[in-house]
Protein backbone atom coordinates (compact mmCIF):
# COMPACT_ATOMS: atom_id res chain seq x y z
CA MET A 1 -1.50 34.24 -13.69
CA ALA A 2 -4.35 32.38 -15.36
CA ALA A 3 -6.22 29.77 -13.34
CA PRO A 4 -5.88 26.17 -14.52
CA LYS A 5 -8.76 24.72 -16.48
CA ASP A 6 -11.44 23.07 -14.37
CA TYR A 7 -11.39 19.57 -15.86
CA TYR A 8 -14.04 18.41 -13.41
CA LYS A 9 -16.43 21.06 -14.63
CA ILE A 10 -15.60 20.24 -18.25
CA LEU A 11 -16.50 16.56 -17.67
CA GLU A 12 -19.49 17.54 -15.50
CA VAL A 13 -18.38 15.45 -12.52
CA ASP A 14 -17.68 16.10 -8.86
CA GLU A 15 -14.08 16.50 -7.69
CA LYS A 16 -14.43 13.26 -5.69
CA ALA A 17 -15.91 11.26 -8.57
CA ASP A 18 -14.55 7.74 -9.02
CA GLN A 19 -13.04 6.47 -12.26
CA GLU A 20 -16.22 4.73 -13.40
CA THR A 21 -18.26 7.94 -13.03
CA ILE A 22 -15.62 9.92 -14.93
CA LYS A 23 -15.57 7.35 -17.74
CA LYS A 24 -19.35 7.33 -18.10
CA SER A 25 -19.55 11.12 -18.19
CA TYR A 26 -16.74 11.30 -20.74
CA ARG A 27 -18.43 8.82 -23.06
CA ARG A 28 -21.74 10.70 -22.83
CA LEU A 29 -20.12 14.05 -23.59
CA ALA A 30 -17.86 12.65 -26.31
CA ARG A 31 -20.89 11.28 -28.15
CA LYS A 32 -22.73 14.58 -27.74
CA TYR A 33 -19.91 16.82 -28.98
CA HIS A 34 -18.26 14.53 -31.53
CA PRO A 35 -17.72 16.53 -34.74
CA ASP A 36 -19.72 13.93 -36.68
CA VAL A 37 -22.71 14.81 -34.49
CA SER A 38 -22.23 18.46 -33.51
CA GLY A 39 -20.37 19.60 -36.61
CA LYS A 40 -17.71 22.32 -36.64
CA ALA A 41 -19.23 24.05 -33.62
CA GLY A 42 -18.43 21.11 -31.35
CA GLU A 43 -14.78 20.59 -32.30
CA ASP A 44 -13.29 22.80 -29.59
CA LYS A 45 -15.56 21.33 -26.93
CA PHE A 46 -14.69 17.82 -28.10
CA LYS A 47 -10.96 18.56 -27.83
CA GLU A 48 -11.47 20.05 -24.36
CA ILE A 49 -13.37 16.96 -23.20
CA ASN A 50 -10.60 14.67 -24.42
CA GLU A 51 -7.96 16.83 -22.77
CA ALA A 52 -9.81 16.66 -19.44
CA TYR A 53 -10.35 12.91 -19.67
CA GLU A 54 -6.69 12.28 -20.49
CA VAL A 55 -5.76 13.86 -17.15
CA LEU A 56 -8.57 12.68 -14.87
CA SER A 57 -8.53 9.08 -16.12
CA ASP A 58 -4.87 8.67 -15.13
CA PRO A 59 -4.51 8.46 -11.29
CA LYS A 60 -1.02 9.94 -11.31
CA LYS A 61 -1.89 12.82 -13.67
CA ARG A 62 -5.09 13.48 -11.71
CA ARG A 63 -3.17 13.64 -8.43
CA GLU A 64 -0.65 16.08 -9.90
CA TYR A 65 -3.47 18.16 -11.40
CA ASP A 66 -5.26 18.35 -8.04
CA GLN A 67 -2.05 19.45 -6.34
CA MET A 68 -1.49 22.09 -9.01
CA ARG A 69 -5.00 23.52 -8.48
CA LEU A 70 -4.48 23.64 -4.75
CA GLY A 71 -1.13 25.35 -5.18
CA TYR A 72 -2.74 27.97 -7.39
CA ALA A 73 -5.56 28.53 -4.90
CA HIS A 74 -3.07 28.88 -2.07
CA ARG A 75 -1.08 31.54 -3.94
CA GLN A 76 -4.25 33.43 -4.84
CA ALA A 77 -5.39 33.43 -1.22
CA ARG A 78 -2.05 34.73 0.02
CA SER A 79 -1.94 37.44 -2.62
CA GLN A 80 -5.22 38.84 -1.29
CA GLY A 81 -3.97 39.28 2.26
CA PRO A 82 -4.29 37.34 5.51
CA GLY A 83 -7.28 35.24 6.41
CA TYR A 84 -9.36 32.85 4.36
CA GLN A 85 -10.55 34.13 1.00
CA ARG A 86 -13.13 33.07 -1.52
CA VAL A 87 -11.43 31.63 -4.60
CA THR A 88 -13.24 30.47 -7.72
CA PHE A 89 -11.95 28.17 -10.46
CA ASP A 90 -14.26 28.96 -13.36
CA GLY A 91 -17.17 28.08 -11.10
CA GLY A 92 -15.27 25.20 -9.44
CA PHE A 93 -14.14 25.57 -5.83
CA GLY A 94 -16.33 27.56 -3.48
CA ASP A 95 -15.29 28.89 -0.08
CA TRP A 96 -11.53 28.78 0.42
CA GLY A 97 -12.07 28.51 4.17
CA SER A 98 -13.94 25.23 3.82
CA ILE A 99 -11.28 23.89 1.46
CA PHE A 100 -8.58 24.82 3.92
CA GLU A 101 -10.44 23.10 6.75
CA ASP A 102 -10.75 19.92 4.65
CA LEU A 103 -7.11 19.83 3.71
CA PHE A 104 -5.44 20.93 6.91
CA SER A 105 -5.81 20.13 10.59
CA GLN A 106 -4.79 22.06 13.66
CA ALA A 107 -1.23 21.22 14.67
CA GLY A 108 -0.28 24.01 17.09
CA ALA A 109 0.19 27.76 17.39
CA ASP A 110 3.14 30.12 17.63
CA ASN A 111 3.07 33.86 18.40
CA GLY A 112 -0.63 34.02 17.69
CA PHE A 113 -0.38 32.41 14.25
CA THR A 114 -1.92 29.00 13.64
CA THR A 115 0.37 26.29 12.29
CA ARG A 116 -1.43 23.73 10.17
CA THR A 117 -0.29 20.49 8.63
CA ARG A 118 -1.73 18.85 5.60
CA THR A 119 -3.80 15.74 6.36
CA GLN A 120 -5.76 14.97 3.20
CA ASN A 121 -5.30 14.95 -0.54
CA VAL A 122 -1.67 13.83 -0.27
CA PRO A 123 -0.40 11.17 -2.68
CA GLU A 124 -0.81 7.57 -1.60
CA GLU A 125 1.78 5.03 -2.68
CA THR A 126 1.85 1.26 -2.12
CA VAL A 127 4.87 -0.69 -0.97
CA THR A 128 5.08 -4.50 -0.92
CA LEU A 129 7.26 -5.88 1.87
CA THR A 130 8.67 -9.32 2.53
CA LEU A 131 8.08 -11.03 5.87
CA GLU A 132 11.80 -10.62 6.53
CA GLN A 133 11.42 -6.84 6.21
CA VAL A 134 8.45 -6.98 8.59
CA ALA A 135 10.52 -8.96 11.10
CA ARG A 136 13.58 -6.70 11.05
CA GLY A 137 12.15 -3.38 9.93
CA ASP A 138 13.71 -1.60 6.99
CA THR A 139 14.43 1.72 5.32
CA ILE A 140 13.16 2.15 1.76
CA GLN A 141 13.45 4.93 -0.79
CA LEU A 142 10.25 6.64 -1.94
CA THR A 143 9.89 9.14 -4.79
CA VAL A 144 6.92 11.52 -4.74
CA SER A 145 6.06 14.21 -7.29
CA GLU A 146 5.47 17.56 -5.60
CA PRO A 147 4.57 21.03 -6.92
CA GLN A 148 7.54 23.40 -6.99
CA ILE A 149 7.88 27.02 -8.05
CA CYS A 150 8.80 27.12 -11.72
CA PRO A 151 12.61 27.32 -11.97
CA VAL A 152 12.37 29.26 -15.24
CA CYS A 153 9.92 32.09 -14.54
CA HIS A 154 9.65 31.74 -10.74
CA GLY A 155 5.89 32.03 -11.05
CA THR A 156 5.91 35.45 -12.75
CA ASN A 157 5.51 34.77 -16.49
CA PRO A 158 2.00 33.88 -17.78
CA ASP A 159 3.57 32.80 -21.09
CA CYS A 160 6.34 30.64 -19.60
CA PRO A 161 6.99 27.59 -21.82
CA ARG A 162 8.18 25.54 -18.83
CA CYS A 163 5.08 25.81 -16.61
CA GLY A 164 2.54 27.04 -19.13
CA GLY A 165 1.85 30.10 -17.01
CA LEU A 166 0.82 28.10 -13.94
CA GLY A 167 3.84 29.24 -11.96
CA GLN A 168 4.76 25.75 -10.75
CA VAL A 169 5.87 22.38 -12.05
CA MET A 170 5.75 18.85 -10.62
CA GLU A 171 9.20 17.67 -9.55
CA PRO A 172 10.22 14.29 -8.08
CA LYS A 173 11.39 14.34 -4.46
CA LYS A 174 13.07 11.39 -2.76
CA PHE A 175 12.51 10.32 0.83
CA ALA A 176 14.03 7.65 3.05
CA VAL A 177 11.10 5.95 4.78
CA THR A 178 11.60 3.89 7.94
CA ILE A 179 9.47 0.74 8.07
CA PRO A 180 8.88 -0.21 11.73
CA PRO A 181 9.29 -3.89 12.71
CA GLY A 182 5.97 -5.69 13.01
CA VAL A 183 4.05 -3.46 10.60
CA GLU A 184 0.82 -5.09 9.39
CA ALA A 185 -0.70 -5.36 5.93
CA GLY A 186 -3.08 -2.47 5.29
CA SER A 187 -1.18 -0.11 7.59
CA VAL A 188 -0.71 3.43 6.29
CA LEU A 189 2.57 5.16 7.10
CA ARG A 190 2.83 8.93 6.78
CA VAL A 191 5.82 10.42 4.98
CA GLY A 192 5.69 13.80 6.69
CA ASN A 193 3.11 15.90 4.84
CA HIS A 194 4.21 14.56 1.48
CA ALA A 195 2.60 11.15 1.03
CA ARG A 196 0.89 8.18 2.60
CA LEU A 197 2.49 4.77 2.23
CA ARG A 198 0.10 1.81 2.23
CA VAL A 199 1.72 -1.47 3.22
CA GLU A 200 1.17 -4.79 1.47
CA ILE A 201 2.98 -7.99 2.40
CA ALA A 202 4.11 -10.51 -0.20
CA PRO A 203 3.29 -14.23 0.25
CA HIS A 204 6.16 -16.19 1.81
CA PRO A 205 7.28 -19.62 0.52
CA ARG A 206 7.66 -21.11 4.03
CA PHE A 207 5.49 -19.20 6.48
CA VAL A 208 2.00 -17.76 6.85
CA ARG A 209 1.41 -14.83 9.16
CA GLN A 210 -1.28 -14.99 11.83
CA GLY A 211 -1.12 -11.83 13.89
CA ASN A 212 2.39 -11.83 15.36
CA ASN A 213 2.72 -15.60 15.00
CA LEU A 214 4.18 -17.46 12.05
CA ILE A 215 2.84 -20.83 10.91
CA GLY A 216 4.75 -23.37 8.83
CA ARG A 217 4.81 -27.08 8.03
CA LEU A 218 7.68 -29.13 9.43
CA MET A 219 8.68 -32.27 7.51
CA VAL A 220 9.63 -35.02 9.98
CA PRO A 221 10.85 -38.53 8.97
CA VAL A 222 8.48 -41.24 10.20
CA PRO A 223 11.18 -43.14 12.14
CA LEU A 224 12.22 -39.95 13.98
CA ALA A 225 8.58 -39.10 14.76
CA ALA A 226 8.13 -42.60 16.18
CA THR A 227 11.23 -42.64 18.39
CA GLY A 228 11.62 -38.92 19.08
CA GLY A 229 14.62 -36.73 18.36
CA GLU A 230 15.69 -33.34 17.08
CA VAL A 231 15.49 -31.71 13.67
CA PRO A 232 17.21 -28.51 12.48
CA VAL A 233 14.87 -25.60 11.65
CA LYS A 234 15.71 -22.35 9.92
CA PRO A 235 13.40 -19.64 11.35
CA LEU A 236 12.33 -16.57 9.38
CA VAL A 237 15.35 -14.61 10.59
CA GLY A 238 18.34 -15.62 12.69
CA GLU A 239 20.37 -18.79 13.06
CA THR A 240 19.22 -22.38 12.69
CA VAL A 241 17.72 -23.88 15.84
CA MET A 242 17.24 -27.51 16.89
CA VAL A 243 13.61 -28.47 17.49
CA LYS A 244 12.76 -31.37 19.79
CA VAL A 245 10.21 -33.82 18.37
CA PRO A 246 8.59 -35.91 21.14
CA PRO A 247 8.36 -39.70 20.69
CA HIS A 248 5.17 -40.98 19.04
CA THR A 249 4.48 -37.67 17.28
CA ASN A 250 1.52 -37.92 14.92
CA GLN A 251 0.79 -36.13 11.69
CA GLY A 252 -0.60 -32.63 12.33
CA LYS A 253 0.88 -32.15 15.80
CA MET A 254 1.72 -28.50 16.39
CA LEU A 255 5.12 -27.63 17.82
CA ARG A 256 5.50 -24.15 19.32
CA LEU A 257 8.78 -22.22 19.29
CA ARG A 258 8.26 -19.25 21.56
CA GLY A 259 9.62 -15.85 20.58
CA LEU A 260 10.50 -16.81 17.00
CA GLY A 261 7.52 -15.08 15.41
CA LEU A 262 7.12 -11.43 14.41
CA PRO A 263 7.59 -8.47 16.74
CA GLN A 264 4.58 -6.58 18.00
CA ARG A 265 4.84 -3.11 16.52
CA GLY A 266 6.24 -0.58 18.94
CA THR A 267 7.20 -3.15 21.59
CA SER A 268 9.89 -5.76 22.29
CA VAL A 269 7.26 -8.54 22.45
CA LYS A 270 7.50 -11.24 19.80
CA GLY A 271 5.03 -13.85 18.65
CA ASP A 272 5.70 -17.57 18.28
CA LEU A 273 6.65 -19.89 15.44
CA LEU A 274 4.08 -22.69 15.11
CA LEU A 275 5.18 -25.75 13.15
CA GLU A 276 2.65 -28.34 12.00
CA VAL A 277 4.25 -31.76 11.71
CA THR A 278 4.01 -33.49 8.33
CA LEU A 279 5.29 -37.06 8.34
CA ARG A 280 7.62 -38.18 5.56
CA PHE A 281 8.71 -41.71 4.74
CA PRO A 282 12.40 -42.42 4.21
CA GLU A 283 13.78 -41.79 0.74
CA PRO A 284 14.75 -44.00 -0.93
CA PHE A 285 12.42 -46.60 0.57
CA THR A 286 14.42 -49.85 0.43
CA ALA A 287 13.32 -53.48 0.53
CA GLU A 288 14.68 -53.75 4.06
CA ASP A 289 12.61 -50.68 5.06
CA ASP A 290 9.54 -52.39 3.65
CA LYS A 291 10.32 -55.52 5.66
CA LEU A 292 10.65 -53.54 8.89
CA TYR A 293 7.37 -51.72 8.33
CA GLN A 294 5.61 -54.99 7.53
CA GLN A 295 6.88 -56.37 10.84
CA LEU A 296 5.69 -53.20 12.61
CA ARG A 297 2.26 -53.61 11.05
CA ALA A 298 2.10 -57.24 12.16
CA ASN A 299 2.87 -56.20 15.72
CA HIS A 300 -0.04 -53.74 15.77
CA LYS A 301 -3.57 -54.84 14.91
CA GLU A 302 -4.93 -51.26 14.66
CA VAL A 303 -6.94 -50.91 11.45
CA GLY A 304 -7.65 -47.17 11.43
CA GLY A 305 -10.36 -45.64 9.23
CA GLU A 306 -11.70 -43.02 11.64
CA ILE A 307 -12.88 -39.79 10.06
CA HIS A 308 -12.21 -36.44 11.70
CA ALA A 309 -13.21 -32.95 10.64
CA PRO A 310 -10.28 -30.98 9.16
CA ARG A 311 -8.75 -28.36 11.44
């Protein structure tokens, strides 16, 4: 079975090169081997450069290509007997042992044979969760493309139209992934040895996360803030609760509802819900309301005007 083309060598870049490096190298080589510059002799090279760039410039295609090369190297090593072997991709990879050490880590042993699990070079996907999913935990479906033995030639036909002689094809595989309650943005969840799942958390219309606490603004009518009372509050999850507002509550006072925040991952501990009071005048504001507030103002000679640093 023929080895896959070494697109990294064709573009004269390292296998770990970033997209900007790949783009710069492609542009340099494309100018050098463009048929208008190199003539007929450069046509094949120019086509090869474009073919390589089409794959390596697309993160998904590049990931599948890397997996395909590794699958080929693995089969070649096994076909040459036990132990680590030296495998060469048209001058690409060097010592198979070092590659194996990079891609796999010790996971245990059985009957004298080492069992290894893949730790690097697995696909990384991103999932965006809501705060509600973080609070409750969730199970989501993930689809990952994985190399499989060609179903047409079973890896035995170098002229197979299905796999192009590579012996394997990329096939989608679905997984049910459990999202633990309390997971944080930036966390990376492993999907067995198949993928890494990087967590992002979408902005919420009512709450901001601060560790395991949630912070929100609570609208309180001015008369209720002055006399004290209770207001209904809908937490992130669960039933509505009544929150006690003390008499003479000022704008910006923070009310703490213990245990109504987010769970701490892996424990039963929960953070708090912190509500910053925002005062709101009655709506509609009637003439009688205006009269009452004018009387209130007359009873209090406080002018105000102090300046305080924002919190």
